[in-house]
Amino acid sequence: MLKRLMHDHKHIAVLLNVLKNKQMKLSEGESINFIVVRDIVEYMQGYAERCHHPVEDIIYAYYLAHKANDSIDKLSAEHELVIQASAALMTTLNLILSDIVVAREKLIVDFADYVALQERHMQMEEREIFPLLAKTLTEKDWQLIESECQKSLIDDPLFLDREQKEFEDLRAYLTTAD
């Protein structure tokens, strides 16, 4: 299960790099493809926030219930911040794609804040949470967690090896972008 989460983090990092590049171009006064940006945020909302984070939450809740002395679930609170940031950025993108004028500076700041939040979140998980879980949870724990996670697991709609229509344009962009 941790292997899958780390695999997801690698894919999310690729997308965050695209967003950073788009944000940099935007801050330099260049035009960018807002549809690609919207597709990335849509992917983050559809996959990361509806599958990846819930699985992390299930694993961490199990850890808190069975292995920890501390019952404070900091991970779920941080996931909520990420959800709010995604929603705010998506609202701004939808305004732009609906030809509503949005201040360039606001968009640049929203981009930078969103990417920084996502990166800090993944780094915290990889530095603190994942090693703690790997060290503490047993094979039996992982089997119980995996059965509980089944209802939250979905196939990755962007990075899956088989052909899918969803995110087709974004997939094509990622294969041709430099």
C-alpha atoms as a PDB file:
ATOM      1  CA  MET A   1       0.000   0.000   0.000  1.00  0.00           C
ATOM      2  CA  LEU A   2       2.821   2.442   0.795  1.00  0.00           C
ATOM      3  CA  LYS A   3       4.412   1.535  -2.533  1.00  0.00           C
ATOM      4  CA  ARG A   4       1.244   2.632  -4.313  1.00  0.00           C
ATOM      5  CA  LEU A   5       1.133   5.898  -2.347  1.00  0.00           C
ATOM      6  CA  MET A   6       4.786   6.646  -3.199  1.00  0.00           C
ATOM      7  CA  HIS A   7       4.056   5.837  -6.844  1.00  0.00           C
ATOM      8  CA  ASP A   8       1.172   8.336  -6.725  1.00  0.00           C
ATOM      9  CA  HIS A   9       3.512  10.936  -5.215  1.00  0.00           C
ATOM     10  CA  LYS A  10       5.896  10.555  -8.152  1.00  0.00           C
ATOM     11  CA  HIS A  11       3.048  11.190 -10.574  1.00  0.00           C
ATOM     12  CA  ILE A  12       1.752  14.133  -8.580  1.00  0.00           C
ATOM     13  CA  ALA A  13       5.276  15.602  -8.540  1.00  0.00           C
ATOM     14  CA  VAL A  14       5.341  15.483 -12.356  1.00  0.00           C
ATOM     15  CA  LEU A  15       2.095  17.449 -12.460  1.00  0.00           C
ATOM     16  CA  LEU A  16       3.286  19.949  -9.856  1.00  0.00           C
ATOM     17  CA  ASN A  17       6.382  20.576 -11.997  1.00  0.00           C
ATOM     18  CA  VAL A  18       4.121  21.340 -14.951  1.00  0.00           C
ATOM     19  CA  LEU A  19       2.159  23.761 -12.771  1.00  0.00           C
ATOM     20  CA  LYS A  20       5.391  25.401 -11.568  1.00  0.00           C
ATOM     21  CA  ASN A  21       6.514  25.871 -15.167  1.00  0.00           C
ATOM     22  CA  LYS A  22       3.143  27.333 -16.106  1.00  0.00           C
ATOM     23  CA  GLN A  23       3.239  29.650 -13.090  1.00  0.00           C
ATOM     24  CA  MET A  24       6.755  30.793 -14.024  1.00  0.00           C
ATOM     25  CA  LYS A  25       5.712  31.523 -17.621  1.00  0.00           C
ATOM     26  CA  LEU A  26       2.674  33.398 -16.376  1.00  0.00           C
ATOM     27  CA  SER A  27       4.795  35.492 -13.996  1.00  0.00           C
ATOM     28  CA  GLU A  28       7.128  36.312 -16.922  1.00  0.00           C
ATOM     29  CA  GLY A  29       4.151  37.653 -18.870  1.00  0.00           C
ATOM     30  CA  GLU A  30       3.802  34.697 -21.245  1.00  0.00           C
ATOM     31  CA  SER A  31       0.474  33.144 -22.086  1.00  0.00           C
ATOM     32  CA  ILE A  32      -0.239  29.607 -20.931  1.00  0.00           C
ATOM     33  CA  ASN A  33      -2.664  26.832 -21.769  1.00  0.00           C
ATOM     34  CA  PHE A  34      -5.255  27.133 -18.997  1.00  0.00           C
ATOM     35  CA  ILE A  35      -7.009  23.965 -20.140  1.00  0.00           C
ATOM     36  CA  VAL A  36      -3.903  21.917 -19.258  1.00  0.00           C
ATOM     37  CA  VAL A  37      -3.776  23.626 -15.868  1.00  0.00           C
ATOM     38  CA  ARG A  38      -7.468  22.982 -15.280  1.00  0.00           C
ATOM     39  CA  ASP A  39      -7.032  19.324 -16.267  1.00  0.00           C
ATOM     40  CA  ILE A  40      -4.201  18.946 -13.749  1.00  0.00           C
ATOM     41  CA  VAL A  41      -6.244  20.472 -10.939  1.00  0.00           C
ATOM     42  CA  GLU A  42      -9.233  18.370 -12.006  1.00  0.00           C
ATOM     43  CA  TYR A  43      -7.061  15.256 -11.817  1.00  0.00           C
ATOM     44  CA  MET A  44      -5.864  16.294  -8.364  1.00  0.00           C
ATOM     45  CA  GLN A  45      -9.453  16.779  -7.236  1.00  0.00           C
ATOM     46  CA  GLY A  46     -10.730  13.597  -8.857  1.00  0.00           C
ATOM     47  CA  TYR A  47      -7.949  11.168  -8.043  1.00  0.00           C
ATOM     48  CA  ALA A  48      -5.665  12.551  -5.357  1.00  0.00           C
ATOM     49  CA  GLU A  49      -8.461  13.947  -3.218  1.00  0.00           C
ATOM     50  CA  ARG A  50     -10.977  11.130  -3.756  1.00  0.00           C
ATOM     51  CA  CYS A  51      -8.686   8.087  -3.710  1.00  0.00           C
ATOM     52  CA  HIS A  52      -5.103   8.840  -2.703  1.00  0.00           C
ATOM     53  CA  HIS A  53      -5.835  11.005   0.350  1.00  0.00           C
ATOM     54  CA  PRO A  54      -8.708   8.834   1.640  1.00  0.00           C
ATOM     55  CA  VAL A  55      -6.417   5.784   1.502  1.00  0.00           C
ATOM     56  CA  GLU A  56      -3.753   7.697   3.429  1.00  0.00           C
ATOM     57  CA  ASP A  57      -6.413   8.749   5.931  1.00  0.00           C
ATOM     58  CA  ILE A  58      -7.575   5.150   6.416  1.00  0.00           C
ATOM     59  CA  ILE A  59      -4.014   3.961   6.987  1.00  0.00           C
ATOM     60  CA  TYR A  60      -3.223   6.774   9.395  1.00  0.00           C
ATOM     61  CA  ALA A  61      -6.511   6.336  11.284  1.00  0.00           C
ATOM     62  CA  TYR A  62      -5.658   2.650  11.683  1.00  0.00           C
ATOM     63  CA  TYR A  63      -2.224   3.607  12.969  1.00  0.00           C
ATOM     64  CA  LEU A  64      -3.730   6.076  15.451  1.00  0.00           C
ATOM     65  CA  ALA A  65      -6.294   3.552  16.650  1.00  0.00           C
ATOM     66  CA  HIS A  66      -3.936   0.599  17.010  1.00  0.00           C
ATOM     67  CA  LYS A  67      -0.345   1.772  17.366  1.00  0.00           C
ATOM     68  CA  ALA A  68      -0.115   5.380  18.533  1.00  0.00           C
ATOM     69  CA  ASN A  69      -0.287   7.076  21.892  1.00  0.00           C
ATOM     70  CA  ASP A  70      -1.445  10.265  20.188  1.00  0.00           C
ATOM     71  CA  SER A  71      -4.962  10.476  18.757  1.00  0.00           C
ATOM     72  CA  ILE A  72      -4.467  13.764  16.888  1.00  0.00           C
ATOM     73  CA  ASP A  73      -5.054  13.199  13.174  1.00  0.00           C
ATOM     74  CA  LYS A  74      -2.904  15.916  11.621  1.00  0.00           C
ATOM     75  CA  LEU A  75      -2.897  14.190   8.243  1.00  0.00           C
ATOM     76  CA  SER A  76      -6.651  14.491   7.643  1.00  0.00           C
ATOM     77  CA  ALA A  77      -6.567  18.157   8.643  1.00  0.00           C
ATOM     78  CA  GLU A  78      -3.807  18.770   6.137  1.00  0.00           C
ATOM     79  CA  HIS A  79      -5.744  16.906   3.435  1.00  0.00           C
ATOM     80  CA  GLU A  80      -8.630  19.283   4.097  1.00  0.00           C
ATOM     81  CA  LEU A  81      -6.327  22.269   3.475  1.00  0.00           C
ATOM     82  CA  VAL A  82      -5.238  20.711   0.166  1.00  0.00           C
ATOM     83  CA  ILE A  83      -8.895  20.211  -0.838  1.00  0.00           C
ATOM     84  CA  GLN A  84      -9.667  23.852  -0.074  1.00  0.00           C
ATOM     85  CA  ALA A  85      -6.641  25.049  -2.054  1.00  0.00           C
ATOM     86  CA  SER A  86      -7.628  22.894  -5.047  1.00  0.00           C
ATOM     87  CA  ALA A  87     -11.174  24.235  -4.956  1.00  0.00           C
ATOM     88  CA  ALA A  88      -9.954  27.848  -4.804  1.00  0.00           C
ATOM     89  CA  LEU A  89      -7.570  27.369  -7.725  1.00  0.00           C
ATOM     90  CA  MET A  90     -10.245  25.551  -9.755  1.00  0.00           C
ATOM     91  CA  THR A  91     -12.684  28.419  -9.164  1.00  0.00           C
ATOM     92  CA  THR A  92     -10.124  30.907 -10.465  1.00  0.00           C
ATOM     93  CA  LEU A  93      -9.353  28.708 -13.491  1.00  0.00           C
ATOM     94  CA  ASN A  94     -13.036  28.322 -14.326  1.00  0.00           C
ATOM     95  CA  LEU A  95     -13.458  32.102 -14.204  1.00  0.00           C
ATOM     96  CA  ILE A  96     -10.560  32.506 -16.653  1.00  0.00           C
ATOM     97  CA  LEU A  97     -11.867  29.772 -18.950  1.00  0.00           C
ATOM     98  CA  SER A  98     -15.271  31.508 -18.893  1.00  0.00           C
ATOM     99  CA  ASP A  99     -13.547  34.676 -20.156  1.00  0.00           C
ATOM    100  CA  ILE A 100     -13.955  36.501 -16.859  1.00  0.00           C
ATOM    101  CA  VAL A 101     -11.047  38.788 -16.122  1.00  0.00           C
ATOM    102  CA  VAL A 102      -8.889  37.677 -13.202  1.00  0.00           C
ATOM    103  CA  ALA A 103      -5.879  39.654 -12.017  1.00  0.00           C
ATOM    104  CA  ARG A 104      -2.692  38.015 -13.274  1.00  0.00           C
ATOM    105  CA  GLU A 105      -1.034  38.635  -9.899  1.00  0.00           C
ATOM    106  CA  LYS A 106      -3.828  36.766  -8.081  1.00  0.00           C
ATOM    107  CA  LEU A 107      -3.455  33.789 -10.381  1.00  0.00           C
ATOM    108  CA  ILE A 108       0.339  33.769  -9.991  1.00  0.00           C
ATOM    109  CA  VAL A 109       0.005  33.803  -6.191  1.00  0.00           C
ATOM    110  CA  ASP A 110      -2.729  31.118  -6.265  1.00  0.00           C
ATOM    111  CA  PHE A 111      -0.501  28.895  -8.424  1.00  0.00           C
ATOM    112  CA  ALA A 112       2.543  29.366  -6.220  1.00  0.00           C
ATOM    113  CA  ASP A 113       0.576  28.788  -3.012  1.00  0.00           C
ATOM    114  CA  TYR A 114      -1.093  25.670  -4.382  1.00  0.00           C
ATOM    115  CA  VAL A 115       2.141  24.084  -5.610  1.00  0.00           C
ATOM    116  CA  ALA A 116       3.998  24.968  -2.397  1.00  0.00           C
ATOM    117  CA  LEU A 117       1.218  23.495  -0.240  1.00  0.00           C
ATOM    118  CA  GLN A 118       1.127  20.285  -2.282  1.00  0.00           C
ATOM    119  CA  GLU A 119       4.910  19.891  -2.206  1.00  0.00           C
ATOM    120  CA  ARG A 120       5.153  20.569   1.551  1.00  0.00           C
ATOM    121  CA  HIS A 121       2.358  18.074   2.146  1.00  0.00           C
ATOM    122  CA  MET A 122       4.024  15.298   0.130  1.00  0.00           C
ATOM    123  CA  GLN A 123       7.417  15.975   1.719  1.00  0.00           C
ATOM    124  CA  MET A 124       5.905  15.764   5.211  1.00  0.00           C
ATOM    125  CA  GLU A 125       4.257  12.455   4.355  1.00  0.00           C
ATOM    126  CA  GLU A 126       7.412  11.012   2.814  1.00  0.00           C
ATOM    127  CA  ARG A 127       9.681  12.254   5.605  1.00  0.00           C
ATOM    128  CA  GLU A 128       7.474  11.627   8.647  1.00  0.00           C
ATOM    129  CA  ILE A 129       4.304   9.634   8.030  1.00  0.00           C
ATOM    130  CA  PHE A 130       5.324   6.919   5.559  1.00  0.00           C
ATOM    131  CA  PRO A 131       8.497   5.869   7.437  1.00  0.00           C
ATOM    132  CA  LEU A 132       6.539   5.770  10.691  1.00  0.00           C
ATOM    133  CA  LEU A 133       3.887   3.542   9.124  1.00  0.00           C
ATOM    134  CA  ALA A 134       6.474   1.284   7.467  1.00  0.00           C
ATOM    135  CA  LYS A 135       8.319   0.843  10.747  1.00  0.00           C
ATOM    136  CA  THR A 136       5.251   0.369  12.960  1.00  0.00           C
ATOM    137  CA  LEU A 137       2.654  -1.586  11.000  1.00  0.00           C
ATOM    138  CA  THR A 138       2.925  -5.363  10.617  1.00  0.00           C
ATOM    139  CA  GLU A 139       2.038  -7.522   7.612  1.00  0.00           C
ATOM    140  CA  LYS A 140      -1.231  -8.399   9.362  1.00  0.00           C
ATOM    141  CA  ASP A 141      -1.960  -4.695   9.899  1.00  0.00           C
ATOM    142  CA  TRP A 142      -1.371  -4.025   6.198  1.00  0.00           C
ATOM    143  CA  GLN A 143      -3.738  -6.847   5.216  1.00  0.00           C
ATOM    144  CA  LEU A 144      -6.488  -5.387   7.403  1.00  0.00           C
ATOM    145  CA  ILE A 145      -5.819  -1.904   6.058  1.00  0.00           C
ATOM    146  CA  GLU A 146      -5.859  -3.098   2.457  1.00  0.00           C
ATOM    147  CA  SER A 147      -9.256  -4.727   2.892  1.00  0.00           C
ATOM    148  CA  GLU A 148     -10.579  -1.514   4.443  1.00  0.00           C
ATOM    149  CA  CYS A 149      -9.106   0.581   1.618  1.00  0.00           C
ATOM    150  CA  GLN A 150     -10.741  -1.432  -1.176  1.00  0.00           C
ATOM    151  CA  LYS A 151     -13.817   0.822  -1.250  1.00  0.00           C
ATOM    152  CA  SER A 152     -11.616   3.901  -1.711  1.00  0.00           C
ATOM    153  CA  LEU A 153      -9.249   2.488  -4.333  1.00  0.00           C
ATOM    154  CA  ILE A 154      -9.786   3.481  -7.935  1.00  0.00           C
ATOM    155  CA  ASP A 155      -7.519   3.132 -10.936  1.00  0.00           C
ATOM    156  CA  ASP A 156      -5.385   6.165 -11.657  1.00  0.00           C
ATOM    157  CA  PRO A 157      -7.222   7.865 -14.541  1.00  0.00           C
ATOM    158  CA  LEU A 158      -4.115   9.587 -15.923  1.00  0.00           C
ATOM    159  CA  PHE A 159      -1.069   7.396 -15.334  1.00  0.00           C
ATOM    160  CA  LEU A 160      -2.652   3.985 -15.863  1.00  0.00           C
ATOM    161  CA  ASP A 161      -0.839   1.888 -18.433  1.00  0.00           C
ATOM    162  CA  ARG A 162      -3.937   1.070 -20.461  1.00  0.00           C
ATOM    163  CA  GLU A 163      -5.821   3.339 -22.862  1.00  0.00           C
ATOM    164  CA  GLN A 164      -8.367   5.630 -21.245  1.00  0.00           C
ATOM    165  CA  LYS A 165     -10.370   8.539 -22.625  1.00  0.00           C
ATOM    166  CA  GLU A 166     -10.359  10.521 -19.373  1.00  0.00           C
ATOM    167  CA  PHE A 167      -7.544  13.089 -19.339  1.00  0.00           C
ATOM    168  CA  GLU A 168      -6.583  12.121 -22.892  1.00  0.00           C
ATOM    169  CA  ASP A 169      -5.481  15.676 -23.756  1.00  0.00           C
ATOM    170  CA  LEU A 170      -3.431  16.015 -20.571  1.00  0.00           C
ATOM    171  CA  ARG A 171      -1.784  12.636 -21.190  1.00  0.00           C
ATOM    172  CA  ALA A 172      -0.874  13.751 -24.714  1.00  0.00           C
ATOM    173  CA  TYR A 173       0.499  17.033 -23.362  1.00  0.00           C
ATOM    174  CA  LEU A 174       2.672  15.226 -20.812  1.00  0.00           C
ATOM    175  CA  THR A 175       4.167  12.956 -23.470  1.00  0.00           C
ATOM    176  CA  THR A 176       5.017  15.836 -25.812  1.00  0.00           C
ATOM    177  CA  ALA A 177       5.974  18.572 -23.299  1.00  0.00           C
ATOM    178  CA  ASP A 178       9.614  19.313 -22.720  1.00  0.00           C
END
